[in-house]
């Protein structure tokens, strides 16, 4: 029996993007889950990004993890880069009101048109990966879209905030120029571990030689 037919998606509005994303697993809305390598498969994310010609390699990255302050640090670093006259992108999560808030390019939230353009560039690979059952998550898709959008806009730098932990976070496929780890405290015990050493191990997973 052949693989099921999957239609190549096309995105014209923010609603199109939101409706498409709604069919994928969103761990941000799940109270309990286990951080396992087979669930949070970085190789799957890397395969997807490689199929898109590795958009995360198109600019220098500052990768930020931590328990408290990582969002603020990400925002401040982005502002510092922009203040020096450098083109910069920023990826944070979750959003407060609009999905666009997660992707910030040169001082502004990504436009609906820009978000659609990123997803349309990914469309053929989205179809291919879904058809073979190699399905990404809500967060992984948005993280990938951020890289694509930043490459489309030609930014020179990007500040990327981890979603949860670090070691198995989809943002960890990048090769950062700088890694930042903010304050580490007790948080997400059921996912990252009960001891500070366990949590530190997960956060430190973004450090690369």
Protein backbone atom coordinates (compact mmCIF):
# COMPACT_ATOMS: atom_id res chain seq x y z
CA UNK A 1 0.00 0.00 0.00
CA UNK A 2 1.49 3.35 -1.03
CA UNK A 3 2.00 6.39 1.13
CA UNK A 4 -1.11 8.54 1.64
CA UNK A 5 -1.45 11.49 -0.70
CA UNK A 6 -0.68 14.79 0.98
CA UNK A 7 -1.46 18.06 -0.77
CA UNK A 8 1.25 20.71 -0.84
CA UNK A 9 0.03 23.45 1.50
CA UNK A 10 -0.22 27.07 0.39
CA UNK A 11 -0.36 30.01 2.77
CA UNK A 12 -1.96 33.37 1.99
CA UNK A 13 -3.07 34.57 5.44
CA UNK A 14 -2.10 34.25 9.08
CA UNK A 15 -5.21 32.11 9.47
CA UNK A 16 -3.82 29.66 6.91
CA UNK A 17 -0.63 29.29 8.96
CA UNK A 18 -2.52 28.89 12.23
CA UNK A 19 -4.90 26.32 10.75
CA UNK A 20 -1.98 24.33 9.37
CA UNK A 21 -0.05 24.42 12.66
CA UNK A 22 -3.14 23.28 14.59
CA UNK A 23 -2.75 19.75 13.24
CA UNK A 24 0.69 19.28 14.81
CA UNK A 25 1.58 18.35 18.38
CA UNK A 26 1.94 21.44 20.56
CA UNK A 27 3.83 20.54 23.73
CA UNK A 28 3.30 24.07 25.06
CA UNK A 29 -0.35 23.12 25.63
CA UNK A 30 0.41 19.78 27.29
CA UNK A 31 0.70 19.74 31.07
CA UNK A 32 2.66 16.50 31.26
CA UNK A 33 5.09 14.83 28.92
CA UNK A 34 8.51 13.22 29.16
CA UNK A 35 11.66 14.65 27.62
CA UNK A 36 12.79 11.71 25.49
CA UNK A 37 15.15 11.65 22.54
CA UNK A 38 12.71 9.73 20.34
CA UNK A 39 10.01 12.37 20.95
CA UNK A 40 12.26 15.41 20.66
CA UNK A 41 14.26 14.15 17.70
CA UNK A 42 16.90 16.70 16.73
CA UNK A 43 17.96 14.55 13.78
CA UNK A 44 14.45 14.91 12.33
CA UNK A 45 14.66 18.69 12.67
CA UNK A 46 18.12 18.70 11.15
CA UNK A 47 16.93 16.62 8.19
CA UNK A 48 14.12 19.08 7.58
CA UNK A 49 16.40 22.11 7.77
CA UNK A 50 19.00 20.46 5.54
CA UNK A 51 16.26 19.88 2.96
CA UNK A 52 15.73 23.66 3.08
CA UNK A 53 19.47 24.28 2.49
CA UNK A 54 20.19 24.89 6.20
CA UNK A 55 18.70 28.37 6.73
CA UNK A 56 20.12 28.44 10.28
CA UNK A 57 23.61 28.66 8.75
CA UNK A 58 22.89 31.89 6.88
CA UNK A 59 23.71 34.17 9.84
CA UNK A 60 25.62 34.27 13.13
CA UNK A 61 23.58 32.99 16.08
CA UNK A 62 23.54 33.79 19.79
CA UNK A 63 21.79 30.88 21.54
CA UNK A 64 20.19 31.59 24.93
CA UNK A 65 18.98 29.12 27.57
CA UNK A 66 18.18 29.36 31.28
CA UNK A 67 15.40 29.13 33.84
CA UNK A 68 14.84 32.82 34.46
CA UNK A 69 15.73 35.84 32.37
CA UNK A 70 16.35 34.11 29.06
CA UNK A 71 13.56 36.00 27.31
CA UNK A 72 14.80 39.34 28.64
CA UNK A 73 18.40 38.55 27.73
CA UNK A 74 17.33 37.52 24.23
CA UNK A 75 15.44 40.79 23.78
CA UNK A 76 18.30 42.90 25.16
CA UNK A 77 20.93 41.22 22.97
CA UNK A 78 18.76 41.74 19.90
CA UNK A 79 18.35 45.42 20.82
CA UNK A 80 22.12 45.79 21.30
CA UNK A 81 22.81 44.36 17.86
CA UNK A 82 20.23 46.66 16.28
CA UNK A 83 21.68 49.59 18.24
CA UNK A 84 25.03 48.95 16.56
CA UNK A 85 23.38 49.24 13.17
CA UNK A 86 23.48 45.49 12.53
CA UNK A 87 20.61 43.53 11.01
CA UNK A 88 19.23 41.09 13.54
CA UNK A 89 16.48 38.54 14.04
CA UNK A 90 15.04 37.17 17.26
CA UNK A 91 13.12 34.01 18.08
CA UNK A 92 11.28 33.65 21.41
CA UNK A 93 8.39 31.66 22.83
CA UNK A 94 5.60 31.51 23.75
CA UNK A 95 3.67 34.41 22.25
CA UNK A 96 1.26 36.51 24.32
CA UNK A 97 -1.29 37.62 21.73
CA UNK A 98 -0.21 36.94 18.15
CA UNK A 99 1.86 34.14 16.65
CA UNK A 100 3.97 36.75 14.85
CA UNK A 101 5.51 37.86 18.16
CA UNK A 102 7.77 34.80 18.18
CA UNK A 103 9.73 35.95 15.14
CA UNK A 104 11.19 39.44 15.31
CA UNK A 105 13.20 40.83 12.39
CA UNK A 106 15.06 44.15 12.46
CA UNK A 107 13.05 45.51 15.34
CA UNK A 108 9.58 44.40 14.26
CA UNK A 109 7.37 41.36 14.67
CA UNK A 110 7.24 39.42 11.43
CA UNK A 111 4.34 40.50 9.23
CA UNK A 112 1.56 38.12 8.23
CA UNK A 113 2.97 38.28 4.70
CA UNK A 114 6.47 37.45 5.93
CA UNK A 115 5.23 34.49 7.95
CA UNK A 116 3.31 33.16 4.95
CA UNK A 117 6.40 33.60 2.76
CA UNK A 118 8.46 31.49 5.17
CA UNK A 119 5.86 28.72 5.27
CA UNK A 120 5.44 28.79 1.49
CA UNK A 121 9.19 28.30 1.08
CA UNK A 122 8.91 25.26 3.35
CA UNK A 123 5.73 23.96 1.66
CA UNK A 124 7.15 21.24 -0.59
CA UNK A 125 9.26 19.80 2.23
CA UNK A 126 6.31 20.02 4.62
CA UNK A 127 4.37 17.87 2.17
CA UNK A 128 7.25 15.41 1.71
CA UNK A 129 7.96 14.96 5.42
CA UNK A 130 4.27 14.61 6.32
CA UNK A 131 3.70 12.05 3.54
CA UNK A 132 6.40 9.78 4.91
CA UNK A 133 5.26 10.19 8.51
CA UNK A 134 8.28 12.21 9.58
CA UNK A 135 6.13 14.80 11.30
CA UNK A 136 7.53 17.80 13.12
CA UNK A 137 5.94 19.49 16.12
CA UNK A 138 4.30 22.92 16.37
CA UNK A 139 7.41 24.38 18.00
CA UNK A 140 9.81 22.76 15.54
CA UNK A 141 7.88 24.15 12.59
CA UNK A 142 7.84 27.68 13.98
CA UNK A 143 11.52 27.50 14.85
CA UNK A 144 12.25 26.35 11.29
CA UNK A 145 10.06 29.13 9.89
CA UNK A 146 12.03 31.65 11.94
CA UNK A 147 15.29 30.53 10.37
CA UNK A 148 13.77 30.65 6.88
CA UNK A 149 12.24 34.10 7.44
CA UNK A 150 15.52 35.48 8.76
CA UNK A 151 17.38 34.12 5.75
CA UNK A 152 14.76 35.63 3.43
CA UNK A 153 15.31 39.02 5.08
CA UNK A 154 19.08 38.67 4.95
CA UNK A 155 19.82 39.30 8.63
CA UNK A 156 23.46 39.10 9.72
CA UNK A 157 22.76 38.01 13.30
CA UNK A 158 20.05 36.17 15.19
CA UNK A 159 19.33 35.68 18.88
CA UNK A 160 17.54 32.38 19.50
CA UNK A 161 15.85 31.51 22.80
CA UNK A 162 15.38 27.85 23.71
CA UNK A 163 11.85 26.66 24.35
CA UNK A 164 12.31 24.11 27.14
CA UNK A 165 15.58 22.86 28.57
CA UNK A 166 18.15 22.98 25.82
CA UNK A 167 19.74 19.61 25.14
CA UNK A 168 16.71 18.23 23.26
CA UNK A 169 15.20 21.57 22.24
CA UNK A 170 14.78 21.97 18.48
CA UNK A 171 16.74 25.23 18.58
CA UNK A 172 19.78 23.14 19.48
CA UNK A 173 20.40 22.15 15.86
CA UNK A 174 22.07 25.54 15.33
CA UNK A 175 25.82 26.12 15.61
CA UNK A 176 25.99 29.36 17.59
CA UNK A 177 28.81 31.87 17.59
CA UNK A 178 27.97 32.59 21.25
CA UNK A 179 26.09 30.54 23.85
CA UNK A 180 24.45 32.24 26.84
CA UNK A 181 23.03 30.48 29.89
CA UNK A 182 21.15 32.66 32.36
CA UNK A 183 20.19 31.87 35.96
CA UNK A 184 19.28 28.22 36.57
CA UNK A 185 16.59 27.37 39.11
CA UNK A 186 13.94 24.80 39.94
CA UNK A 187 11.39 24.65 37.15
CA UNK A 188 9.64 21.96 35.06
CA UNK A 189 10.67 19.23 37.54
CA UNK A 190 8.57 16.60 35.80
CA UNK A 191 10.40 17.22 32.52
CA UNK A 192 13.92 18.33 33.40
CA UNK A 193 14.53 16.61 36.73
CA UNK A 194 14.25 17.34 40.45
CA UNK A 195 17.82 18.40 41.16
CA UNK A 196 19.54 21.58 40.02
CA UNK A 197 22.29 19.42 38.56
CA UNK A 198 19.71 17.66 36.36
CA UNK A 199 18.29 20.98 35.17
CA UNK A 200 21.77 22.42 34.60
CA UNK A 201 22.65 19.36 32.52
CA UNK A 202 19.68 19.99 30.23
CA UNK A 203 20.43 23.71 29.87
CA UNK A 204 24.15 23.12 29.33
CA UNK A 205 23.27 20.81 26.47
CA UNK A 206 23.35 23.82 24.13
CA UNK A 207 27.07 24.39 24.78
CA UNK A 208 29.14 23.35 21.78
CA UNK A 209 32.92 23.22 21.31
